[in-house]
PDB file of N, CA and C in Angstrom:
ATOM      1  N   THR A   1      -5.303   0.453   3.976  1.00  0.00           N
ATOM      2  CA  THR A   1      -6.512   0.229   3.198  1.00  0.00           C
ATOM      3  C   THR A   1      -7.410   1.465   3.264  1.00  0.00           C
ATOM      4  N   ALA A   2      -8.252   1.578   2.293  1.00  0.00           N
ATOM      5  CA  ALA A   2      -9.145   2.736   2.207  1.00  0.00           C
ATOM      6  C   ALA A   2     -10.182   2.682   3.315  1.00  0.00           C
ATOM      7  N   PRO A   3     -10.551   3.845   3.837  1.00  0.00           N
ATOM      8  CA  PRO A   3     -11.618   3.871   4.839  1.00  0.00           C
ATOM      9  C   PRO A   3     -12.929   3.451   4.194  1.00  0.00           C
ATOM     10  N   ARG A   4     -13.708   2.722   4.940  1.00  0.00           N
ATOM     11  CA  ARG A   4     -14.982   2.220   4.419  1.00  0.00           C
ATOM     12  C   ARG A   4     -16.138   2.940   5.102  1.00  0.00           C
ATOM     13  N   ARG A   5     -17.141   3.260   4.287  1.00  0.00           N
ATOM     14  CA  ARG A   5     -18.351   3.896   4.790  1.00  0.00           C
ATOM     15  C   ARG A   5     -19.541   3.150   4.195  1.00  0.00           C
ATOM     16  N   PRO A   6     -20.466   2.717   5.022  1.00  0.00           N
ATOM     17  CA  PRO A   6     -21.616   1.987   4.486  1.00  0.00           C
ATOM     18  C   PRO A   6     -22.375   2.819   3.454  1.00  0.00           C
ATOM     19  N   HIS A   7     -22.651   2.217   2.308  1.00  0.00           N
ATOM     20  CA  HIS A   7     -23.394   2.896   1.251  1.00  0.00           C
ATOM     21  C   HIS A   7     -24.075   1.838   0.388  1.00  0.00           C
ATOM     22  N   THR A   8     -25.300   2.086   0.015  1.00  0.00           N
ATOM     23  CA  THR A   8     -26.035   1.190  -0.877  1.00  0.00           C
ATOM     24  C   THR A   8     -26.401   1.951  -2.142  1.00  0.00           C
ATOM     25  N   THR A   9     -26.084   1.360  -3.283  1.00  0.00           N
ATOM     26  CA  THR A   9     -26.421   1.935  -4.576  1.00  0.00           C
ATOM     27  C   THR A   9     -27.490   1.059  -5.215  1.00  0.00           C
ATOM     28  N   TYR A  10     -28.465   1.685  -5.857  1.00  0.00           N
ATOM     29  CA  TYR A  10     -29.546   0.937  -6.495  1.00  0.00           C
ATOM     30  C   TYR A  10     -29.396   1.019  -8.003  1.00  0.00           C
ATOM     31  N   PHE A  11     -29.539  -0.116  -8.661  1.00  0.00           N
ATOM     32  CA  PHE A  11     -29.488  -0.199 -10.114  1.00  0.00           C
ATOM     33  C   PHE A  11     -30.851  -0.648 -10.607  1.00  0.00           C
ATOM     34  N   GLY A  12     -31.450   0.169 -11.457  1.00  0.00           N
ATOM     35  CA  GLY A  12     -32.751  -0.171 -12.006  1.00  0.00           C
ATOM     36  C   GLY A  12     -33.734   0.960 -11.844  1.00  0.00           C
ATOM     37  N   ARG A  13     -35.009   0.630 -11.830  1.00  0.00           N
ATOM     38  CA  ARG A  13     -36.081   1.627 -11.754  1.00  0.00           C
ATOM     39  C   ARG A  13     -36.175   2.129 -10.313  1.00  0.00           C
ATOM     40  N   THR A  14     -35.941   3.423 -10.149  1.00  0.00           N
ATOM     41  CA  THR A  14     -36.040   4.042  -8.826  1.00  0.00           C
ATOM     42  C   THR A  14     -36.972   5.239  -8.918  1.00  0.00           C
ATOM     43  N   THR A  15     -37.181   5.906  -7.795  1.00  0.00           N
ATOM     44  CA  THR A  15     -38.055   7.081  -7.801  1.00  0.00           C
ATOM     45  C   THR A  15     -37.354   8.284  -8.406  1.00  0.00           C
ATOM     46  N   GLN A  16     -36.010   8.225  -8.489  1.00  0.00           N
ATOM     47  CA  GLN A  16     -35.260   9.331  -9.071  1.00  0.00           C
ATOM     48  C   GLN A  16     -35.071   9.075 -10.564  1.00  0.00           C
ATOM     49  N   PRO A  17     -35.039  10.145 -11.373  1.00  0.00           N
ATOM     50  CA  PRO A  17     -34.856   9.951 -12.819  1.00  0.00           C
ATOM     51  C   PRO A  17     -33.450   9.409 -13.108  1.00  0.00           C
ATOM     52  N   PRO A  18     -33.304   8.603 -14.160  1.00  0.00           N
ATOM     53  CA  PRO A  18     -31.978   8.073 -14.483  1.00  0.00           C
ATOM     54  C   PRO A  18     -31.013   9.208 -14.825  1.00  0.00           C
ATOM     55  N   SER A  19     -29.763   9.051 -14.410  1.00  0.00           N
ATOM     56  CA  SER A  19     -28.782  10.111 -14.641  1.00  0.00           C
ATOM     57  C   SER A  19     -28.190  10.039 -16.044  1.00  0.00           C
ATOM     58  N   LEU A  20     -28.345   8.909 -16.729  1.00  0.00           N
ATOM     59  CA  LEU A  20     -27.797   8.768 -18.069  1.00  0.00           C
ATOM     60  C   LEU A  20     -28.926   8.833 -19.090  1.00  0.00           C
ATOM     61  N   ARG A  21     -28.730   9.622 -20.108  1.00  0.00           N
ATOM     62  CA  ARG A  21     -29.746   9.736 -21.159  1.00  0.00           C
ATOM     63  C   ARG A  21     -29.680   8.507 -22.059  1.00  0.00           C
ATOM     64  N   GLY A  22     -30.771   8.201 -22.691  1.00  0.00           N
ATOM     65  CA  GLY A  22     -30.797   7.102 -23.639  1.00  0.00           C
ATOM     66  C   GLY A  22     -31.180   5.764 -23.023  1.00  0.00           C
ATOM     67  N   PHE A  23     -31.523   5.745 -21.737  1.00  0.00           N
ATOM     68  CA  PHE A  23     -31.972   4.495 -21.131  1.00  0.00           C
ATOM     69  C   PHE A  23     -33.331   4.117 -21.693  1.00  0.00           C
ATOM     70  N   ALA A  24     -33.494   2.877 -22.046  1.00  0.00           N
ATOM     71  CA  ALA A  24     -34.809   2.391 -22.440  1.00  0.00           C
ATOM     72  C   ALA A  24     -35.512   1.980 -21.147  1.00  0.00           C
ATOM     73  N   PRO A  25     -36.582   2.660 -20.742  1.00  0.00           N
ATOM     74  CA  PRO A  25     -37.218   2.390 -19.451  1.00  0.00           C
ATOM     75  C   PRO A  25     -37.594   0.930 -19.256  1.00  0.00           C
ATOM     76  N   GLU A  26     -37.965   0.241 -20.337  1.00  0.00           N
ATOM     77  CA  GLU A  26     -38.372  -1.170 -20.204  1.00  0.00           C
ATOM     78  C   GLU A  26     -37.191  -2.089 -19.886  1.00  0.00           C
ATOM     79  N   ARG A  27     -35.958  -1.594 -20.050  1.00  0.00           N
ATOM     80  CA  ARG A  27     -34.793  -2.425 -19.782  1.00  0.00           C
ATOM     81  C   ARG A  27     -34.250  -2.239 -18.369  1.00  0.00           C
ATOM     82  N   LEU A  28     -34.813  -1.305 -17.615  1.00  0.00           N
ATOM     83  CA  LEU A  28     -34.359  -1.075 -16.254  1.00  0.00           C
ATOM     84  C   LEU A  28     -34.840  -2.199 -15.342  1.00  0.00           C
ATOM     85  N   LEU A  29     -34.027  -2.566 -14.369  1.00  0.00           N
ATOM     86  CA  LEU A  29     -34.415  -3.600 -13.411  1.00  0.00           C
ATOM     87  C   LEU A  29     -35.587  -3.108 -12.576  1.00  0.00           C
ATOM     88  N   ASP A  30     -36.593  -3.939 -12.452  1.00  0.00           N
ATOM     89  CA  ASP A  30     -37.746  -3.583 -11.636  1.00  0.00           C
ATOM     90  C   ASP A  30     -38.209  -4.824 -10.898  1.00  0.00           C
ATOM     91  N   PRO A  31     -37.978  -4.957  -9.634  1.00  0.00           N
ATOM     92  CA  PRO A  31     -37.463  -3.949  -8.703  1.00  0.00           C
ATOM     93  C   PRO A  31     -35.957  -3.749  -8.880  1.00  0.00           C
ATOM     94  N   PRO A  32     -35.451  -2.595  -8.434  1.00  0.00           N
ATOM     95  CA  PRO A  32     -34.016  -2.317  -8.580  1.00  0.00           C
ATOM     96  C   PRO A  32     -33.179  -3.250  -7.711  1.00  0.00           C
ATOM     97  N   ALA A  33     -31.959  -3.492  -8.175  1.00  0.00           N
ATOM     98  CA  ALA A  33     -31.025  -4.330  -7.412  1.00  0.00           C
ATOM     99  C   ALA A  33     -30.219  -3.416  -6.495  1.00  0.00           C
ATOM    100  N   ALA A  34     -30.129  -3.802  -5.242  1.00  0.00           N
ATOM    101  CA  ALA A  34     -29.349  -3.036  -4.263  1.00  0.00           C
ATOM    102  C   ALA A  34     -27.949  -3.639  -4.180  1.00  0.00           C
ATOM    103  N   VAL A  35     -26.933  -2.785  -4.313  1.00  0.00           N
ATOM    104  CA  VAL A  35     -25.543  -3.235  -4.247  1.00  0.00           C
ATOM    105  C   VAL A  35     -24.842  -2.420  -3.167  1.00  0.00           C
ATOM    106  N   ARG A  36     -24.247  -3.119  -2.212  1.00  0.00           N
ATOM    107  CA  ARG A  36     -23.516  -2.435  -1.148  1.00  0.00           C
ATOM    108  C   ARG A  36     -22.120  -2.094  -1.666  1.00  0.00           C
ATOM    109  N   ASP A  37     -21.748  -0.830  -1.539  1.00  0.00           N
ATOM    110  CA  ASP A  37     -20.442  -0.358  -2.004  1.00  0.00           C
ATOM    111  C   ASP A  37     -19.859   0.565  -0.945  1.00  0.00           C
ATOM    112  N   ASP A  38     -19.060  -0.002  -0.052  1.00  0.00           N
ATOM    113  CA  ASP A  38     -18.497   0.765   1.060  1.00  0.00           C
ATOM    114  C   ASP A  38     -17.364   1.693   0.629  1.00  0.00           C
ATOM    115  N   LEU A  39     -16.963   1.634  -0.647  1.00  0.00           N
ATOM    116  CA  LEU A  39     -15.922   2.511  -1.157  1.00  0.00           C
ATOM    117  C   LEU A  39     -16.495   3.572  -2.102  1.00  0.00           C
ATOM    118  N   PHE A  40     -17.806   3.693  -2.142  1.00  0.00           N
ATOM    119  CA  PHE A  40     -18.474   4.644  -3.029  1.00  0.00           C
ATOM    120  C   PHE A  40     -17.985   6.063  -2.796  1.00  0.00           C
ATOM    121  N   HIS A  41     -17.699   6.420  -1.552  1.00  0.00           N
ATOM    122  CA  HIS A  41     -17.285   7.785  -1.223  1.00  0.00           C
ATOM    123  C   HIS A  41     -15.957   8.179  -1.878  1.00  0.00           C
ATOM    124  N   LEU A  42     -15.175   7.190  -2.337  1.00  0.00           N
ATOM    125  CA  LEU A  42     -13.904   7.501  -2.989  1.00  0.00           C
ATOM    126  C   LEU A  42     -14.111   8.160  -4.358  1.00  0.00           C
ATOM    127  N   ARG A  43     -15.322   8.162  -4.856  1.00  0.00           N
ATOM    128  CA  ARG A  43     -15.629   8.832  -6.131  1.00  0.00           C
ATOM    129  C   ARG A  43     -15.692  10.349  -5.962  1.00  0.00           C
ATOM    130  N   ARG A  44     -15.851  10.805  -4.746  1.00  0.00           N
ATOM    131  CA  ARG A  44     -15.975  12.246  -4.480  1.00  0.00           C
ATOM    132  C   ARG A  44     -14.589  12.875  -4.440  1.00  0.00           C
ATOM    133  N   ARG A  45     -14.091  13.252  -5.575  1.00  0.00           N
ATOM    134  CA  ARG A  45     -12.714  13.754  -5.679  1.00  0.00           C
ATOM    135  C   ARG A  45     -12.520  15.123  -5.043  1.00  0.00           C
ATOM    136  N   ASP A  46     -13.599  15.843  -4.782  1.00  0.00           N
ATOM    137  CA  ASP A  46     -13.457  17.151  -4.148  1.00  0.00           C
ATOM    138  C   ASP A  46     -13.428  17.049  -2.621  1.00  0.00           C
ATOM    139  N   ASP A  47     -13.621  15.855  -2.086  1.00  0.00           N
ATOM    140  CA  ASP A  47     -13.579  15.621  -0.640  1.00  0.00           C
ATOM    141  C   ASP A  47     -12.119  15.626  -0.170  1.00  0.00           C
ATOM    142  N   GLU A  48     -11.790  16.453   0.815  1.00  0.00           N
ATOM    143  CA  GLU A  48     -10.404  16.577   1.278  1.00  0.00           C
ATOM    144  C   GLU A  48      -9.872  15.261   1.852  1.00  0.00           C
ATOM    145  N   GLU A  49     -10.715  14.514   2.545  1.00  0.00           N
ATOM    146  CA  GLU A  49     -10.278  13.234   3.109  1.00  0.00           C
ATOM    147  C   GLU A  49      -9.903  12.254   1.996  1.00  0.00           C
ATOM    148  N   VAL A  50     -10.688  12.235   0.929  1.00  0.00           N
ATOM    149  CA  VAL A  50     -10.408  11.359  -0.208  1.00  0.00           C
ATOM    150  C   VAL A  50      -9.106  11.795  -0.878  1.00  0.00           C
ATOM    151  N   GLN A  51      -8.905  13.089  -1.040  1.00  0.00           N
ATOM    152  CA  GLN A  51      -7.666  13.591  -1.639  1.00  0.00           C
ATOM    153  C   GLN A  51      -6.453  13.208  -0.804  1.00  0.00           C
ATOM    154  N   ARG A  52      -6.564  13.323   0.529  1.00  0.00           N
ATOM    155  CA  ARG A  52      -5.453  12.936   1.410  1.00  0.00           C
ATOM    156  C   ARG A  52      -5.166  11.437   1.303  1.00  0.00           C
ATOM    157  N   TYR A  53      -6.232  10.636   1.232  1.00  0.00           N
ATOM    158  CA  TYR A  53      -6.054   9.184   1.116  1.00  0.00           C
ATOM    159  C   TYR A  53      -5.304   8.837  -0.169  1.00  0.00           C
ATOM    160  N   PHE A  54      -5.725   9.417  -1.305  1.00  0.00           N
ATOM    161  CA  PHE A  54      -5.063   9.097  -2.572  1.00  0.00           C
ATOM    162  C   PHE A  54      -3.642   9.640  -2.626  1.00  0.00           C
ATOM    163  N   ALA A  55      -3.398  10.792  -2.018  1.00  0.00           N
ATOM    164  CA  ALA A  55      -2.030  11.322  -1.960  1.00  0.00           C
ATOM    165  C   ALA A  55      -1.135  10.372  -1.171  1.00  0.00           C
ATOM    166  N   ALA A  56      -1.631   9.862  -0.047  1.00  0.00           N
ATOM    167  CA  ALA A  56      -0.860   8.905   0.761  1.00  0.00           C
ATOM    168  C   ALA A  56      -0.650   7.601  -0.008  1.00  0.00           C
ATOM    169  N   GLU A  57      -1.677   7.144  -0.726  1.00  0.00           N
ATOM    170  CA  GLU A  57      -1.559   5.910  -1.510  1.00  0.00           C
ATOM    171  C   GLU A  57      -0.527   6.072  -2.626  1.00  0.00           C
ATOM    172  N   ASN A  58      -0.550   7.224  -3.304  1.00  0.00           N
ATOM    173  CA  ASN A  58       0.416   7.484  -4.371  1.00  0.00           C
ATOM    174  C   ASN A  58       1.838   7.573  -3.823  1.00  0.00           C
ATOM    175  N   ALA A  59       2.006   8.196  -2.657  1.00  0.00           N
ATOM    176  CA  ALA A  59       3.334   8.294  -2.043  1.00  0.00           C
ATOM    177  C   ALA A  59       3.844   6.904  -1.671  1.00  0.00           C
ATOM    178  N   TYR A  60       2.979   6.057  -1.141  1.00  0.00           N
ATOM    179  CA  TYR A  60       3.356   4.686  -0.789  1.00  0.00           C
ATOM    180  C   TYR A  60       3.804   3.926  -2.037  1.00  0.00           C
ATOM    181  N   ALA A  61       3.023   4.035  -3.117  1.00  0.00           N
ATOM    182  CA  ALA A  61       3.370   3.335  -4.360  1.00  0.00           C
ATOM    183  C   ALA A  61       4.705   3.836  -4.902  1.00  0.00           C
ATOM    184  N   ALA A  62       4.932   5.146  -4.843  1.00  0.00           N
ATOM    185  CA  ALA A  62       6.200   5.709  -5.328  1.00  0.00           C
ATOM    186  C   ALA A  62       7.376   5.169  -4.522  1.00  0.00           C
ATOM    187  N   ARG A  63       7.214   5.071  -3.198  1.00  0.00           N
ATOM    188  CA  ARG A  63       8.289   4.528  -2.348  1.00  0.00           C
ATOM    189  C   ARG A  63       8.579   3.071  -2.698  1.00  0.00           C
ATOM    190  N   LYS A  64       7.534   2.282  -2.904  1.00  0.00           N
ATOM    191  CA  LYS A  64       7.707   0.861  -3.202  1.00  0.00           C
ATOM    192  C   LYS A  64       8.315   0.635  -4.584  1.00  0.00           C
ATOM    193  N   LEU A  65       8.026   1.527  -5.543  1.00  0.00           N
ATOM    194  CA  LEU A  65       8.520   1.356  -6.905  1.00  0.00           C
ATOM    195  C   LEU A  65       9.864   2.032  -7.141  1.00  0.00           C
ATOM    196  N   GLU A  66      10.345   2.773  -6.147  1.00  0.00           N
ATOM    197  CA  GLU A  66      11.606   3.501  -6.267  1.00  0.00           C
ATOM    198  C   GLU A  66      12.756   2.593  -6.703  1.00  0.00           C
ATOM    199  N   ARG A  67      12.812   1.407  -6.133  1.00  0.00           N
ATOM    200  CA  ARG A  67      13.927   0.491  -6.421  1.00  0.00           C
ATOM    201  C   ARG A  67      13.894  -0.040  -7.855  1.00  0.00           C
ATOM    202  N   LEU A  68      12.780   0.154  -8.542  1.00  0.00           N
ATOM    203  CA  LEU A  68      12.650  -0.335  -9.914  1.00  0.00           C
ATOM    204  C   LEU A  68      12.967   0.734 -10.960  1.00  0.00           C
ATOM    205  N   ALA A  69      13.402   1.912 -10.521  1.00  0.00           N
ATOM    206  CA  ALA A  69      13.640   3.022 -11.452  1.00  0.00           C
ATOM    207  C   ALA A  69      14.651   2.639 -12.535  1.00  0.00           C
ATOM    208  N   GLY A  70      15.741   1.973 -12.152  1.00  0.00           N
ATOM    209  CA  GLY A  70      16.741   1.565 -13.135  1.00  0.00           C
ATOM    210  C   GLY A  70      16.180   0.583 -14.149  1.00  0.00           C
ATOM    211  N   LEU A  71      15.413  -0.383 -13.674  1.00  0.00           N
ATOM    212  CA  LEU A  71      14.806  -1.369 -14.563  1.00  0.00           C
ATOM    213  C   LEU A  71      13.815  -0.701 -15.513  1.00  0.00           C
ATOM    214  N   ARG A  72      13.034   0.243 -15.000  1.00  0.00           N
ATOM    215  CA  ARG A  72      12.079   0.953 -15.858  1.00  0.00           C
ATOM    216  C   ARG A  72      12.806   1.703 -16.966  1.00  0.00           C
ATOM    217  N   ALA A  73      13.909   2.358 -16.633  1.00  0.00           N
ATOM    218  CA  ALA A  73      14.687   3.094 -17.638  1.00  0.00           C
ATOM    219  C   ALA A  73      15.268   2.128 -18.669  1.00  0.00           C
ATOM    220  N   GLU A  74      15.749   0.981 -18.187  1.00  0.00           N
ATOM    221  CA  GLU A  74      16.330  -0.023 -19.093  1.00  0.00           C
ATOM    222  C   GLU A  74      15.267  -0.559 -20.054  1.00  0.00           C
ATOM    223  N   LEU A  75      14.076  -0.852 -19.535  1.00  0.00           N
ATOM    224  CA  LEU A  75      12.999  -1.355 -20.389  1.00  0.00           C
ATOM    225  C   LEU A  75      12.527  -0.296 -21.377  1.00  0.00           C
ATOM    226  N   ALA A  76      12.460   0.961 -20.938  1.00  0.00           N
ATOM    227  CA  ALA A  76      12.053   2.045 -21.843  1.00  0.00           C
ATOM    228  C   ALA A  76      13.049   2.172 -22.984  1.00  0.00           C
ATOM    229  N   GLU A  77      14.332   2.083 -22.675  1.00  0.00           N
ATOM    230  CA  GLU A  77      15.366   2.172 -23.720  1.00  0.00           C
ATOM    231  C   GLU A  77      15.251   0.991 -24.679  1.00  0.00           C
ATOM    232  N   GLU A  78      14.981  -0.195 -24.142  1.00  0.00           N
ATOM    233  CA  GLU A  78      14.822  -1.374 -24.990  1.00  0.00           C
ATOM    234  C   GLU A  78      13.639  -1.210 -25.937  1.00  0.00           C
ATOM    235  N   LEU A  79      12.513  -0.701 -25.423  1.00  0.00           N
ATOM    236  CA  LEU A  79      11.340  -0.487 -26.266  1.00  0.00           C
ATOM    237  C   LEU A  79      11.620   0.560 -27.339  1.00  0.00           C
ATOM    238  N   LEU A  80      12.324   1.617 -26.974  1.00  0.00           N
ATOM    239  CA  LEU A  80      12.684   2.627 -27.969  1.00  0.00           C
ATOM    240  C   LEU A  80      13.586   2.029 -29.044  1.00  0.00           C
ATOM    241  N   GLY A  81      14.439   1.085 -28.654  1.00  0.00           N
ATOM    242  CA  GLY A  81      15.294   0.405 -29.621  1.00  0.00           C
ATOM    243  C   GLY A  81      14.477  -0.344 -30.658  1.00  0.00           C
ATOM    244  N   PHE A  82      13.420  -1.001 -30.222  1.00  0.00           N
ATOM    245  CA  PHE A  82      12.548  -1.700 -31.167  1.00  0.00           C
ATOM    246  C   PHE A  82      11.907  -0.713 -32.129  1.00  0.00           C
ATOM    247  N   ALA A  83      11.479   0.435 -31.616  1.00  0.00           N
ATOM    248  CA  ALA A  83      10.856   1.450 -32.469  1.00  0.00           C
ATOM    249  C   ALA A  83      11.859   1.958 -33.501  1.00  0.00           C
ATOM    250  N   ARG A  84      13.107   2.166 -33.071  1.00  0.00           N
ATOM    251  CA  ARG A  84      14.130   2.642 -34.002  1.00  0.00           C
ATOM    252  C   ARG A  84      14.389   1.609 -35.094  1.00  0.00           C
ATOM    253  N   GLU A  85      14.413   0.315 -34.717  1.00  0.00           N
ATOM    254  CA  GLU A  85      14.635  -0.743 -35.706  1.00  0.00           C
ATOM    255  C   GLU A  85      13.530  -0.715 -36.752  1.00  0.00           C
ATOM    256  N   GLU A  86      12.278  -0.545 -36.316  1.00  0.00           N
ATOM    257  CA  GLU A  86      11.165  -0.498 -37.263  1.00  0.00           C
ATOM    258  C   GLU A  86      11.317   0.676 -38.220  1.00  0.00           C
ATOM    259  N   GLU A  87      11.712   1.831 -37.673  1.00  0.00           N
ATOM    260  CA  GLU A  87      11.898   3.003 -38.528  1.00  0.00           C
ATOM    261  C   GLU A  87      12.983   2.742 -39.569  1.00  0.00           C
ATOM    262  N   GLU A  88      14.048   2.067 -39.140  1.00  0.00           N
ATOM    263  CA  GLU A  88      15.149   1.784 -40.057  1.00  0.00           C
ATOM    264  C   GLU A  88      14.748   0.790 -41.128  1.00  0.00           C
ATOM    265  N   GLU A  89      13.804  -0.093 -40.809  1.00  0.00           N
ATOM    266  CA  GLU A  89      13.384  -1.101 -41.767  1.00  0.00           C
ATOM    267  C   GLU A  89      12.359  -0.558 -42.763  1.00  0.00           C
ATOM    268  N   GLY A  90      11.999   0.707 -42.651  1.00  0.00           N
ATOM    269  CA  GLY A  90      11.125   1.335 -43.636  1.00  0.00           C
ATOM    270  C   GLY A  90       9.646   1.086 -43.443  1.00  0.00           C
ATOM    271  N   VAL A  91       9.197   1.067 -42.215  1.00  0.00           N
ATOM    272  CA  VAL A  91       7.770   0.935 -41.978  1.00  0.00           C
ATOM    273  C   VAL A  91       7.102   2.262 -42.288  1.00  0.00           C
ATOM    274  N   VAL A  92       6.047   2.201 -43.091  1.00  0.00           N
ATOM    275  CA  VAL A  92       5.289   3.392 -43.445  1.00  0.00           C
ATOM    276  C   VAL A  92       3.917   3.255 -42.795  1.00  0.00           C
ATOM    277  N   TRP A  93       3.512   4.289 -42.069  1.00  0.00           N
ATOM    278  CA  TRP A  93       2.211   4.261 -41.407  1.00  0.00           C
ATOM    279  C   TRP A  93       1.168   4.860 -42.337  1.00  0.00           C
ATOM    280  N   VAL A  94       0.114   4.086 -42.580  1.00  0.00           N
ATOM    281  CA  VAL A  94      -0.958   4.485 -43.487  1.00  0.00           C
ATOM    282  C   VAL A  94      -2.253   4.580 -42.692  1.00  0.00           C
ATOM    283  N   LYS A  95      -2.992   5.676 -42.898  1.00  0.00           N
ATOM    284  CA  LYS A  95      -4.263   5.851 -42.202  1.00  0.00           C
ATOM    285  C   LYS A  95      -5.340   5.056 -42.931  1.00  0.00           C
ATOM    286  N   GLY A  96      -6.025   4.204 -42.184  1.00  0.00           N
ATOM    287  CA  GLY A  96      -7.091   3.396 -42.764  1.00  0.00           C
ATOM    288  C   GLY A  96      -8.405   4.151 -42.791  1.00  0.00           C
ATOM    289  N   VAL A  97      -9.376   3.603 -43.508  1.00  0.00           N
ATOM    290  CA  VAL A  97     -10.682   4.245 -43.612  1.00  0.00           C
ATOM    291  C   VAL A  97     -11.415   4.232 -42.264  1.00  0.00           C
ATOM    292  N   ASP A  98     -11.000   3.341 -41.356  1.00  0.00           N
ATOM    293  CA  ASP A  98     -11.638   3.247 -40.048  1.00  0.00           C
ATOM    294  C   ASP A  98     -11.038   4.210 -39.033  1.00  0.00           C
ATOM    295  N   GLY A  99     -10.066   5.035 -39.448  1.00  0.00           N
ATOM    296  CA  GLY A  99      -9.463   5.999 -38.548  1.00  0.00           C
ATOM    297  C   GLY A  99      -8.217   5.504 -37.850  1.00  0.00           C
ATOM    298  N   PHE A 100      -7.921   4.206 -37.938  1.00  0.00           N
ATOM    299  CA  PHE A 100      -6.719   3.648 -37.334  1.00  0.00           C
ATOM    300  C   PHE A 100      -5.551   3.763 -38.295  1.00  0.00           C
ATOM    301  N   GLU A 101      -4.338   3.666 -37.768  1.00  0.00           N
ATOM    302  CA  GLU A 101      -3.155   3.668 -38.604  1.00  0.00           C
ATOM    303  C   GLU A 101      -2.574   2.265 -38.675  1.00  0.00           C
ATOM    304  N   TYR A 102      -2.081   1.901 -39.845  1.00  0.00           N
ATOM    305  CA  TYR A 102      -1.542   0.581 -40.071  1.00  0.00           C
ATOM    306  C   TYR A 102      -0.122   0.702 -40.629  1.00  0.00           C
ATOM    307  N   GLY A 103       0.765  -0.148 -40.137  1.00  0.00           N
ATOM    308  CA  GLY A 103       2.137  -0.137 -40.628  1.00  0.00           C
ATOM    309  C   GLY A 103       2.287  -1.012 -41.848  1.00  0.00           C
ATOM    310  N   GLU A 104       2.941  -0.475 -42.884  1.00  0.00           N
ATOM    311  CA  GLU A 104       3.203  -1.237 -44.101  1.00  0.00           C
ATOM    312  C   GLU A 104       4.683  -1.146 -44.430  1.00  0.00           C
ATOM    313  N   ARG A 105       5.211  -2.180 -45.020  1.00  0.00           N
ATOM    314  CA  ARG A 105       6.615  -2.188 -45.433  1.00  0.00           C
ATOM    315  C   ARG A 105       6.706  -2.047 -46.923  1.00  0.00           C
TER     316      ARG A 105
END
C-alpha cells in the first residue's frame, strides 16, 4: 500500500488566492471545508520516493498480469476482426457538424 502522510486540504474561501481562474467568489465555501487526504503527496511526481513507489506498483501489476498476455492478444485479435468485418460491410465514416465522426452504411 502507498505510504500515508497526514495532510489537510481546504476547499472554499481561504487566505490564499484560488489557483483556478474563473471562480465566482460568491460560490466558494465559507467557511472552507477541510478534507483529510493522506495520499496527497502522491501528486508530487518529481518526488523520488513517489517515483519509486509508482515504479514498484507498476512492476507488481506487470507481474500479476503476465499470465494474461495470451488472453489479451486473443481479445485484441478478436476486436480487430470486428473492425475488419465493418470495413468489409462498407461502413463510411462521416464527420458531423459537432466534430464527431459517425458511421454510415
